[in-house]
Structures are given as structure tokens and as C-alpha cells.
Amino acid sequence: MLDEFMGKKRLTTKDLEAIPIDLQYHREPANVSDWVAYQTVKAMRIPTDIFFRTKYIHRVVALETVAAVPGMVAGMLRHLRSLRRCSHDGGWISHLLHEAENERMHLLTWMKVSQPTLLERALVTAVQGVFFNVFFALYMVSDKTAHRVVGYLEEQAVISYTHMLDEIDAGVLENGPAPKIAIDYWNLEENATVRDVCLAIRLDENVHMLTNHHLSDRLALKQEDLRVDIHKLQEEQGMVPTQNAEKVWTKGNKY
């Protein structure tokens, strides 16, 4: 999550709108792996558009059910690999599990806003079952492609929430009060609305989008140890004594 959501100040609509986000961002495919990932996500959107059309609340319930899968699958596989190798994972596991938890909170929030029909619940269950196994297999074959798929999925999520906000602003969707679970989780004002929730979740999805594209790039460059960057950031902020981060974290078998 963004630092803004974890401060003491409760966020207003103006605060949420002031947090920068690039709505035009799109990672152009740079190779065959990227192209496969992008085309896969585009193909996944077709049945979703046909089934849900403009039922945005129901669409995001289905979206968030699927979106919470990749972080858990990737975190689990990297956790098991870390155990097998008896070595540090480079700082990935905790981030991936936090991402999965964040997406689950999105789902729980929308479940408070709308109760899906029995057919929609059955569809969500089926899609989740299929997606879990497909993503598991993909991550085993190419974790780089898997994270690129998630990056493109999150690009679509940002687009979907932008459309949803447009519908709220146009008066097509009701802008009711935000659920208590959302107010507490994103530290919103007590009079927050569904529109505020959309703004907050869109910011989350934007973070997931940029992060997963970055993780895919790190895998392509074989620079998996995130602790190097974390340590550099801590040095810049004066949180640790200045030292060479690469020297600290790239020693063989250093846990």
C-alpha cells in the first residue's frame, strides 16, 4: 500500500485525488514472453466484458477474487524454494503475501457493497479454480512471464476502476456510503463514499501494476535480491549507516 494510507491523517476525497497516478501507463511488450502475457490478458477480458457488461460492482467482485491468487501462489512457490535452498528469498515473499492480502481486502469491501447472485458466485469459483492451477503452472515454467501477466492484469484493473469512477460521476452508479471495513483499512474519513473507495483501490492496483512489471524486469535481468534496493533506500533516508548495499547483500549464502 501507499504510505499515504498508513498515516495518522484520515484521507478526504481531495487527498485521494491529489495522489499522482498515470492513467495512460502501458508497458509495451518488448519480447515474445511479454507479447504472450499481454495477449493472454486481452483474451481473458473478452468473456468478462460479455458476461458483466456495465455491472461494474459485480465485475470488480469477480476481478478481485482472481486478483488475490497470483500473490499467494508466487509467495508460496518462492517460500518453498527458499526452504529447499536454505537461503533467503531476496525480500519477495512478504511483499507477495501482502499483495494477496491487499487484493483480498478489495474483495471483502465490495462484498459489503453488493451481494453477487448464485450464478456469479459459481462463475467466480470456477474461474478461480482454473486460474489458480494455470497460474501455478505458468509460474513453475516462467516466473518472469507470470509477473508480466499480473502487470497487464493490473493495467486492466486500473482501466476498469477508471470506467467505474466515470459511471459514478455521470450518475449511472449510486455513490453510497463506504463500508466500515474500507474506512478502517484505507484510513478514510467517516463520511467516505463508494467513489472514495474506488479511488483508493485504483491506487492500490496501480502499485501492483508497476511492482509486477518491475519484478518481471528484475527476473529478466537476474537481479532478484530486492534487499539491495531496500538497503539503498534506507541509506538515503538515513535509516542505516551508509555502506555498499551490493557488498552487504550479495555475499554467497548470506541470510
C-alpha atoms as a PDB file:
ATOM      1  CA  MET A   1       0.000   0.000   0.000  1.00  0.00           C
ATOM      2  CA  LEU A   2       0.994   3.627  -0.432  1.00  0.00           C
ATOM      3  CA  ASP A   3       2.439   5.425   2.575  1.00  0.00           C
ATOM      4  CA  GLU A   4      -0.496   7.859   2.452  1.00  0.00           C
ATOM      5  CA  PHE A   5      -2.884   5.111   3.596  1.00  0.00           C
ATOM      6  CA  MET A   6      -0.781   4.275   6.646  1.00  0.00           C
ATOM      7  CA  GLY A   7      -0.505   7.748   8.151  1.00  0.00           C
ATOM      8  CA  LYS A   8      -2.436   9.127  11.080  1.00  0.00           C
ATOM      9  CA  LYS A   9      -4.411  11.621   8.989  1.00  0.00           C
ATOM     10  CA  ARG A  10      -7.734  10.363   7.660  1.00  0.00           C
ATOM     11  CA  LEU A  11      -7.904  10.879   3.913  1.00  0.00           C
ATOM     12  CA  THR A  12     -10.501  13.053   2.219  1.00  0.00           C
ATOM     13  CA  THR A  13     -11.674  12.837  -1.386  1.00  0.00           C
ATOM     14  CA  LYS A  14      -9.372  15.751  -2.196  1.00  0.00           C
ATOM     15  CA  ASP A  15      -6.421  13.895  -0.630  1.00  0.00           C
ATOM     16  CA  LEU A  16      -7.130  10.769  -2.699  1.00  0.00           C
ATOM     17  CA  GLU A  17      -7.464  12.740  -5.925  1.00  0.00           C
ATOM     18  CA  ALA A  18      -4.177  14.545  -5.211  1.00  0.00           C
ATOM     19  CA  ILE A  19      -2.140  11.317  -5.085  1.00  0.00           C
ATOM     20  CA  PRO A  20      -0.444  11.079  -8.511  1.00  0.00           C
ATOM     21  CA  ILE A  21      -1.350   8.240 -10.885  1.00  0.00           C
ATOM     22  CA  ASP A  22      -0.553   7.831 -14.586  1.00  0.00           C
ATOM     23  CA  LEU A  23      -3.801   6.635 -16.165  1.00  0.00           C
ATOM     24  CA  GLN A  24      -2.143   6.381 -19.592  1.00  0.00           C
ATOM     25  CA  TYR A  25       0.583   3.989 -18.465  1.00  0.00           C
ATOM     26  CA  HIS A  26       1.022   0.852 -20.546  1.00  0.00           C
ATOM     27  CA  ARG A  27       4.063  -1.392 -20.654  1.00  0.00           C
ATOM     28  CA  GLU A  28       4.649  -2.155 -24.329  1.00  0.00           C
ATOM     29  CA  PRO A  29       5.630  -5.810 -24.922  1.00  0.00           C
ATOM     30  CA  ALA A  30       9.390  -5.990 -25.529  1.00  0.00           C
ATOM     31  CA  ASN A  31       9.760  -9.657 -26.428  1.00  0.00           C
ATOM     32  CA  VAL A  32       7.843 -12.864 -27.125  1.00  0.00           C
ATOM     33  CA  SER A  33       7.263 -13.528 -23.426  1.00  0.00           C
ATOM     34  CA  ASP A  34       5.745 -10.068 -22.940  1.00  0.00           C
ATOM     35  CA  TRP A  35       3.605 -10.456 -26.060  1.00  0.00           C
ATOM     36  CA  VAL A  36       2.214 -13.796 -24.860  1.00  0.00           C
ATOM     37  CA  ALA A  37       1.432 -12.274 -21.455  1.00  0.00           C
ATOM     38  CA  TYR A  38      -0.333  -9.276 -22.990  1.00  0.00           C
ATOM     39  CA  GLN A  39      -2.374 -11.309 -25.456  1.00  0.00           C
ATOM     40  CA  THR A  40      -3.386 -13.704 -22.686  1.00  0.00           C
ATOM     41  CA  VAL A  41      -4.747 -10.868 -20.583  1.00  0.00           C
ATOM     42  CA  LYS A  42      -6.571  -9.335 -23.567  1.00  0.00           C
ATOM     43  CA  ALA A  43      -8.196 -12.710 -24.252  1.00  0.00           C
ATOM     44  CA  MET A  44      -9.259 -13.010 -20.600  1.00  0.00           C
ATOM     45  CA  ARG A  45     -11.037  -9.660 -20.787  1.00  0.00           C
ATOM     46  CA  ILE A  46     -13.355 -10.697 -23.638  1.00  0.00           C
ATOM     47  CA  PRO A  47     -15.598 -13.138 -21.688  1.00  0.00           C
ATOM     48  CA  THR A  48     -15.574 -10.763 -18.703  1.00  0.00           C
ATOM     49  CA  ASP A  49     -16.897  -7.890 -20.830  1.00  0.00           C
ATOM     50  CA  ILE A  50     -19.543 -10.133 -22.385  1.00  0.00           C
ATOM     51  CA  PHE A  51     -20.794 -11.533 -19.079  1.00  0.00           C
ATOM     52  CA  PHE A  52     -20.734  -8.446 -16.843  1.00  0.00           C
ATOM     53  CA  ARG A  53     -21.083  -5.622 -19.396  1.00  0.00           C
ATOM     54  CA  THR A  54     -21.707  -2.480 -17.289  1.00  0.00           C
ATOM     55  CA  LYS A  55     -22.383  -4.272 -13.979  1.00  0.00           C
ATOM     56  CA  TYR A  56     -19.241  -2.771 -12.518  1.00  0.00           C
ATOM     57  CA  ILE A  57     -19.743  -3.777  -8.890  1.00  0.00           C
ATOM     58  CA  HIS A  58     -20.241  -7.416  -9.876  1.00  0.00           C
ATOM     59  CA  ARG A  59     -17.328  -7.162 -12.304  1.00  0.00           C
ATOM     60  CA  VAL A  60     -14.918  -5.983  -9.605  1.00  0.00           C
ATOM     61  CA  VAL A  61     -16.065  -8.735  -7.227  1.00  0.00           C
ATOM     62  CA  ALA A  62     -15.037 -11.291  -9.854  1.00  0.00           C
ATOM     63  CA  LEU A  63     -11.884  -9.323 -10.669  1.00  0.00           C
ATOM     64  CA  GLU A  64     -10.706  -9.174  -7.065  1.00  0.00           C
ATOM     65  CA  THR A  65     -11.382 -12.871  -6.491  1.00  0.00           C
ATOM     66  CA  VAL A  66      -8.939 -13.684  -9.271  1.00  0.00           C
ATOM     67  CA  ALA A  67      -6.525 -10.841  -8.466  1.00  0.00           C
ATOM     68  CA  ALA A  68      -5.802 -12.244  -4.994  1.00  0.00           C
ATOM     69  CA  VAL A  69      -4.478 -15.523  -6.457  1.00  0.00           C
ATOM     70  CA  PRO A  70      -1.093 -14.545  -8.041  1.00  0.00           C
ATOM     71  CA  GLY A  71       0.488 -13.083  -4.908  1.00  0.00           C
ATOM     72  CA  MET A  72      -0.423 -16.144  -2.856  1.00  0.00           C
ATOM     73  CA  VAL A  73       0.746 -18.617  -5.497  1.00  0.00           C
ATOM     74  CA  ALA A  74       4.013 -16.767  -6.164  1.00  0.00           C
ATOM     75  CA  GLY A  75       4.660 -16.274  -2.453  1.00  0.00           C
ATOM     76  CA  MET A  76       4.016 -19.948  -1.739  1.00  0.00           C
ATOM     77  CA  LEU A  77       6.315 -21.176  -4.517  1.00  0.00           C
ATOM     78  CA  ARG A  78       9.119 -18.809  -3.562  1.00  0.00           C
ATOM     79  CA  HIS A  79       8.671 -19.791   0.098  1.00  0.00           C
ATOM     80  CA  LEU A  80       9.090 -23.476  -0.782  1.00  0.00           C
ATOM     81  CA  ARG A  81      12.095 -22.696  -2.966  1.00  0.00           C
ATOM     82  CA  SER A  82      13.693 -20.750  -0.131  1.00  0.00           C
ATOM     83  CA  LEU A  83      13.203 -23.751   2.160  1.00  0.00           C
ATOM     84  CA  ARG A  84      14.684 -26.158  -0.388  1.00  0.00           C
ATOM     85  CA  ARG A  85      17.739 -23.984  -0.978  1.00  0.00           C
ATOM     86  CA  CYS A  86      18.089 -22.969   2.677  1.00  0.00           C
ATOM     87  CA  SER A  87      18.653 -19.396   1.515  1.00  0.00           C
ATOM     88  CA  HIS A  88      16.950 -16.004   1.673  1.00  0.00           C
ATOM     89  CA  ASP A  89      14.342 -15.250  -0.984  1.00  0.00           C
ATOM     90  CA  GLY A  90      15.627 -11.721  -1.577  1.00  0.00           C
ATOM     91  CA  GLY A  91      12.671  -9.961   0.027  1.00  0.00           C
ATOM     92  CA  TRP A  92       9.924 -11.220  -2.302  1.00  0.00           C
ATOM     93  CA  ILE A  93       7.755 -13.441  -0.110  1.00  0.00           C
ATOM     94  CA  SER A  94       6.486 -10.861   2.362  1.00  0.00           C
ATOM     95  CA  HIS A  95       5.688  -8.431  -0.450  1.00  0.00           C
ATOM     96  CA  LEU A  96       3.793 -11.023  -2.486  1.00  0.00           C
ATOM     97  CA  LEU A  97       1.727 -12.147   0.507  1.00  0.00           C
ATOM     98  CA  HIS A  98       0.929  -8.525   1.372  1.00  0.00           C
ATOM     99  CA  GLU A  99      -0.225  -8.050  -2.209  1.00  0.00           C
ATOM    100  CA  ALA A 100      -2.531 -11.065  -1.921  1.00  0.00           C
ATOM    101  CA  GLU A 101      -3.904  -9.743   1.373  1.00  0.00           C
ATOM    102  CA  ASN A 102      -4.483  -6.316  -0.136  1.00  0.00           C
ATOM    103  CA  GLU A 103      -6.456  -7.823  -3.032  1.00  0.00           C
ATOM    104  CA  ARG A 104      -8.494  -9.904  -0.575  1.00  0.00           C
ATOM    105  CA  MET A 105      -9.440  -6.735   1.281  1.00  0.00           C
ATOM    106  CA  HIS A 106     -10.658  -5.301  -2.030  1.00  0.00           C
ATOM    107  CA  LEU A 107     -12.965  -8.298  -2.387  1.00  0.00           C
ATOM    108  CA  LEU A 108     -14.274  -8.116   1.178  1.00  0.00           C
ATOM    109  CA  THR A 109     -15.018  -4.427   0.671  1.00  0.00           C
ATOM    110  CA  TRP A 110     -17.057  -4.956  -2.490  1.00  0.00           C
ATOM    111  CA  MET A 111     -18.905  -7.867  -0.915  1.00  0.00           C
ATOM    112  CA  LYS A 112     -20.248  -5.327   1.588  1.00  0.00           C
ATOM    113  CA  VAL A 113     -21.471  -3.137  -1.258  1.00  0.00           C
ATOM    114  CA  SER A 114     -23.103  -5.800  -3.427  1.00  0.00           C
ATOM    115  CA  GLN A 115     -24.198  -9.387  -2.906  1.00  0.00           C
ATOM    116  CA  PRO A 116     -23.361 -11.430  -6.039  1.00  0.00           C
ATOM    117  CA  THR A 117     -26.005 -13.736  -7.472  1.00  0.00           C
ATOM    118  CA  LEU A 118     -25.712 -17.521  -7.168  1.00  0.00           C
ATOM    119  CA  LEU A 119     -24.688 -17.731 -10.842  1.00  0.00           C
ATOM    120  CA  GLU A 120     -21.988 -15.106 -10.362  1.00  0.00           C
ATOM    121  CA  ARG A 121     -20.678 -16.894  -7.271  1.00  0.00           C
ATOM    122  CA  ALA A 122     -20.499 -20.158  -9.222  1.00  0.00           C
ATOM    123  CA  LEU A 123     -18.660 -18.418 -12.065  1.00  0.00           C
ATOM    124  CA  VAL A 124     -16.187 -16.828  -9.669  1.00  0.00           C
ATOM    125  CA  THR A 125     -15.483 -20.197  -8.028  1.00  0.00           C
ATOM    126  CA  ALA A 126     -14.910 -21.880 -11.389  1.00  0.00           C
ATOM    127  CA  VAL A 127     -12.707 -19.097 -12.721  1.00  0.00           C
ATOM    128  CA  GLN A 128     -10.657 -19.002  -9.521  1.00  0.00           C
ATOM    129  CA  GLY A 129     -10.104 -22.767  -9.635  1.00  0.00           C
ATOM    130  CA  VAL A 130      -8.956 -22.659 -13.248  1.00  0.00           C
ATOM    131  CA  PHE A 131      -6.828 -19.537 -12.802  1.00  0.00           C
ATOM    132  CA  PHE A 132      -5.059 -20.880  -9.699  1.00  0.00           C
ATOM    133  CA  ASN A 133      -3.878 -24.004 -11.489  1.00  0.00           C
ATOM    134  CA  VAL A 134      -2.960 -22.210 -14.716  1.00  0.00           C
ATOM    135  CA  PHE A 135      -1.011 -19.513 -12.871  1.00  0.00           C
ATOM    136  CA  PHE A 136       0.707 -22.139 -10.717  1.00  0.00           C
ATOM    137  CA  ALA A 137       1.861 -23.993 -13.826  1.00  0.00           C
ATOM    138  CA  LEU A 138       2.920 -20.768 -15.550  1.00  0.00           C
ATOM    139  CA  TYR A 139       4.982 -19.649 -12.548  1.00  0.00           C
ATOM    140  CA  MET A 140       6.745 -23.004 -12.484  1.00  0.00           C
ATOM    141  CA  VAL A 141       7.605 -22.660 -16.182  1.00  0.00           C
ATOM    142  CA  SER A 142       8.381 -18.924 -16.342  1.00  0.00           C
ATOM    143  CA  ASP A 143       8.040 -16.689 -13.285  1.00  0.00           C
ATOM    144  CA  LYS A 144       9.087 -13.732 -15.447  1.00  0.00           C
ATOM    145  CA  THR A 145       6.095 -14.226 -17.754  1.00  0.00           C
ATOM    146  CA  ALA A 146       3.793 -14.837 -14.788  1.00  0.00           C
ATOM    147  CA  HIS A 147       4.645 -11.486 -13.198  1.00  0.00           C
ATOM    148  CA  ARG A 148       4.231  -9.793 -16.582  1.00  0.00           C
ATOM    149  CA  VAL A 149       0.740 -11.308 -16.830  1.00  0.00           C
ATOM    150  CA  VAL A 150      -0.097  -9.822 -13.423  1.00  0.00           C
ATOM    151  CA  GLY A 151       1.275  -6.459 -14.533  1.00  0.00           C
ATOM    152  CA  TYR A 152      -1.047  -6.463 -17.531  1.00  0.00           C
ATOM    153  CA  LEU A 153      -3.972  -7.695 -15.410  1.00  0.00           C
ATOM    154  CA  GLU A 154      -3.450  -4.733 -13.106  1.00  0.00           C
ATOM    155  CA  GLU A 155      -3.346  -2.388 -16.090  1.00  0.00           C
ATOM    156  CA  GLN A 156      -6.841  -3.657 -16.933  1.00  0.00           C
ATOM    157  CA  ALA A 157      -7.888  -3.229 -13.312  1.00  0.00           C
ATOM    158  CA  VAL A 158      -6.867   0.446 -13.393  1.00  0.00           C
ATOM    159  CA  ILE A 159      -8.902   0.861 -16.596  1.00  0.00           C
ATOM    160  CA  SER A 160     -11.946  -0.868 -15.050  1.00  0.00           C
ATOM    161  CA  TYR A 161     -11.881   1.297 -11.929  1.00  0.00           C
ATOM    162  CA  THR A 162     -11.474   4.424 -14.057  1.00  0.00           C
ATOM    163  CA  HIS A 163     -14.601   3.460 -16.023  1.00  0.00           C
ATOM    164  CA  MET A 164     -16.384   2.799 -12.751  1.00  0.00           C
ATOM    165  CA  LEU A 165     -15.471   6.248 -11.467  1.00  0.00           C
ATOM    166  CA  ASP A 166     -16.744   7.788 -14.708  1.00  0.00           C
ATOM    167  CA  GLU A 167     -20.078   5.981 -14.214  1.00  0.00           C
ATOM    168  CA  ILE A 168     -20.334   7.269 -10.652  1.00  0.00           C
ATOM    169  CA  ASP A 169     -19.548  10.829 -11.735  1.00  0.00           C
ATOM    170  CA  ALA A 170     -22.155  10.544 -14.509  1.00  0.00           C
ATOM    171  CA  GLY A 171     -24.795   9.439 -12.004  1.00  0.00           C
ATOM    172  CA  VAL A 172     -25.181   5.981 -13.557  1.00  0.00           C
ATOM    173  CA  LEU A 173     -23.852   4.223 -10.452  1.00  0.00           C
ATOM    174  CA  GLU A 174     -25.016   5.157  -6.969  1.00  0.00           C
ATOM    175  CA  ASN A 175     -22.369   6.803  -4.800  1.00  0.00           C
ATOM    176  CA  GLY A 176     -23.441   5.398  -1.457  1.00  0.00           C
ATOM    177  CA  PRO A 177     -21.560   5.396   1.847  1.00  0.00           C
ATOM    178  CA  ALA A 178     -18.295   3.466   2.026  1.00  0.00           C
ATOM    179  CA  PRO A 179     -18.365   0.236   4.067  1.00  0.00           C
ATOM    180  CA  LYS A 180     -16.786   0.453   7.536  1.00  0.00           C
ATOM    181  CA  ILE A 181     -14.195  -2.148   6.543  1.00  0.00           C
ATOM    182  CA  ALA A 182     -12.949   0.182   3.781  1.00  0.00           C
ATOM    183  CA  ILE A 183     -12.889   3.267   6.022  1.00  0.00           C
ATOM    184  CA  ASP A 184     -10.724   1.441   8.554  1.00  0.00           C
ATOM    185  CA  TYR A 185      -8.432  -0.242   6.022  1.00  0.00           C
ATOM    186  CA  TRP A 186      -7.626   2.816   3.878  1.00  0.00           C
ATOM    187  CA  ASN A 187      -7.870   5.286   6.759  1.00  0.00           C
ATOM    188  CA  LEU A 188     -10.685   7.238   5.109  1.00  0.00           C
ATOM    189  CA  GLU A 189     -12.934   9.863   6.657  1.00  0.00           C
ATOM    190  CA  GLU A 190     -16.056   8.564   8.388  1.00  0.00           C
ATOM    191  CA  ASN A 191     -18.264  10.129   5.689  1.00  0.00           C
ATOM    192  CA  ALA A 192     -16.326   8.484   2.843  1.00  0.00           C
ATOM    193  CA  THR A 193     -18.267   7.220  -0.176  1.00  0.00           C
ATOM    194  CA  VAL A 194     -18.041   4.382  -2.673  1.00  0.00           C
ATOM    195  CA  ARG A 195     -16.275   6.796  -5.018  1.00  0.00           C
ATOM    196  CA  ASP A 196     -13.551   7.295  -2.405  1.00  0.00           C
ATOM    197  CA  VAL A 197     -13.173   3.527  -2.166  1.00  0.00           C
ATOM    198  CA  CYS A 198     -12.780   3.322  -5.960  1.00  0.00           C
ATOM    199  CA  LEU A 199     -10.067   5.977  -5.850  1.00  0.00           C
ATOM    200  CA  ALA A 200      -8.217   4.141  -3.081  1.00  0.00           C
ATOM    201  CA  ILE A 201      -8.422   0.729  -4.751  1.00  0.00           C
ATOM    202  CA  ARG A 202      -7.351   2.157  -8.112  1.00  0.00           C
ATOM    203  CA  LEU A 203      -4.232   3.498  -6.408  1.00  0.00           C
ATOM    204  CA  ASP A 204      -3.574   0.037  -4.944  1.00  0.00           C
ATOM    205  CA  GLU A 205      -3.956  -1.583  -8.363  1.00  0.00           C
ATOM    206  CA  ASN A 206      -1.576   0.963  -9.859  1.00  0.00           C
ATOM    207  CA  VAL A 207       1.060  -0.002  -7.279  1.00  0.00           C
ATOM    208  CA  HIS A 208       0.557  -3.719  -8.052  1.00  0.00           C
ATOM    209  CA  MET A 209       0.826  -2.994 -11.777  1.00  0.00           C
ATOM    210  CA  LEU A 210       4.129  -1.127 -11.519  1.00  0.00           C
ATOM    211  CA  THR A 211       5.539  -3.585  -8.990  1.00  0.00           C
ATOM    212  CA  ASN A 212       4.810  -6.719 -11.021  1.00  0.00           C
ATOM    213  CA  HIS A 213       6.218  -5.203 -14.190  1.00  0.00           C
ATOM    214  CA  HIS A 214       9.299  -4.298 -12.143  1.00  0.00           C
ATOM    215  CA  LEU A 215       9.563  -7.823 -10.706  1.00  0.00           C
ATOM    216  CA  SER A 216       9.374  -9.273 -14.203  1.00  0.00           C
ATOM    217  CA  ASP A 217      12.176  -6.941 -15.288  1.00  0.00           C
ATOM    218  CA  ARG A 218      14.292  -7.966 -12.282  1.00  0.00           C
ATOM    219  CA  LEU A 219      13.889 -11.616 -13.201  1.00  0.00           C
ATOM    220  CA  ALA A 220      14.864 -10.897 -16.800  1.00  0.00           C
ATOM    221  CA  LEU A 221      17.994  -9.084 -15.590  1.00  0.00           C
ATOM    222  CA  LYS A 222      18.718 -11.810 -12.996  1.00  0.00           C
ATOM    223  CA  GLN A 223      18.739  -9.187 -10.244  1.00  0.00           C
ATOM    224  CA  GLU A 224      16.347 -10.837  -7.823  1.00  0.00           C
ATOM    225  CA  ASP A 225      17.687  -9.632  -4.479  1.00  0.00           C
ATOM    226  CA  LEU A 226      15.383  -6.737  -3.598  1.00  0.00           C
ATOM    227  CA  ARG A 227      17.291  -6.114  -0.374  1.00  0.00           C
ATOM    228  CA  VAL A 228      19.931  -4.227  -2.343  1.00  0.00           C
ATOM    229  CA  ASP A 229      17.392  -1.575  -3.360  1.00  0.00           C
ATOM    230  CA  ILE A 230      15.754  -1.563   0.071  1.00  0.00           C
ATOM    231  CA  HIS A 231      19.103  -1.007   1.756  1.00  0.00           C
ATOM    232  CA  LYS A 232      19.987   1.808  -0.664  1.00  0.00           C
ATOM    233  CA  LEU A 233      16.668   3.495   0.110  1.00  0.00           C
ATOM    234  CA  GLN A 234      17.293   3.150   3.836  1.00  0.00           C
ATOM    235  CA  GLU A 235      20.745   4.689   3.380  1.00  0.00           C
ATOM    236  CA  GLU A 236      19.251   7.641   1.500  1.00  0.00           C
ATOM    237  CA  GLN A 237      16.719   8.189   4.290  1.00  0.00           C
ATOM    238  CA  GLY A 238      19.359   7.898   6.993  1.00  0.00           C
ATOM    239  CA  MET A 239      17.785   4.771   8.465  1.00  0.00           C
ATOM    240  CA  VAL A 240      21.050   2.749   8.376  1.00  0.00           C
ATOM    241  CA  PRO A 241      24.754   3.671   8.322  1.00  0.00           C
ATOM    242  CA  THR A 242      26.000   4.364   4.802  1.00  0.00           C
ATOM    243  CA  GLN A 243      27.679   1.325   3.274  1.00  0.00           C
ATOM    244  CA  ASN A 244      27.816  -0.539  -0.033  1.00  0.00           C
ATOM    245  CA  ALA A 245      24.472  -2.312  -0.411  1.00  0.00           C
ATOM    246  CA  GLU A 246      25.688  -4.699  -3.107  1.00  0.00           C
ATOM    247  CA  LYS A 247      28.601  -5.759  -0.898  1.00  0.00           C
ATOM    248  CA  VAL A 248      26.267  -6.296   2.052  1.00  0.00           C
ATOM    249  CA  TRP A 249      23.649  -8.407   0.352  1.00  0.00           C
ATOM    250  CA  THR A 250      25.355 -10.241  -2.494  1.00  0.00           C
ATOM    251  CA  LYS A 251      27.735 -12.382  -0.488  1.00  0.00           C
ATOM    252  CA  GLY A 252      27.219 -16.073  -1.098  1.00  0.00           C
ATOM    253  CA  ASN A 253      24.562 -17.738   1.098  1.00  0.00           C
ATOM    254  CA  LYS A 254      24.142 -14.612   3.249  1.00  0.00           C
ATOM    255  CA  TYR A 255      20.810 -14.902   5.014  1.00  0.00           C
END
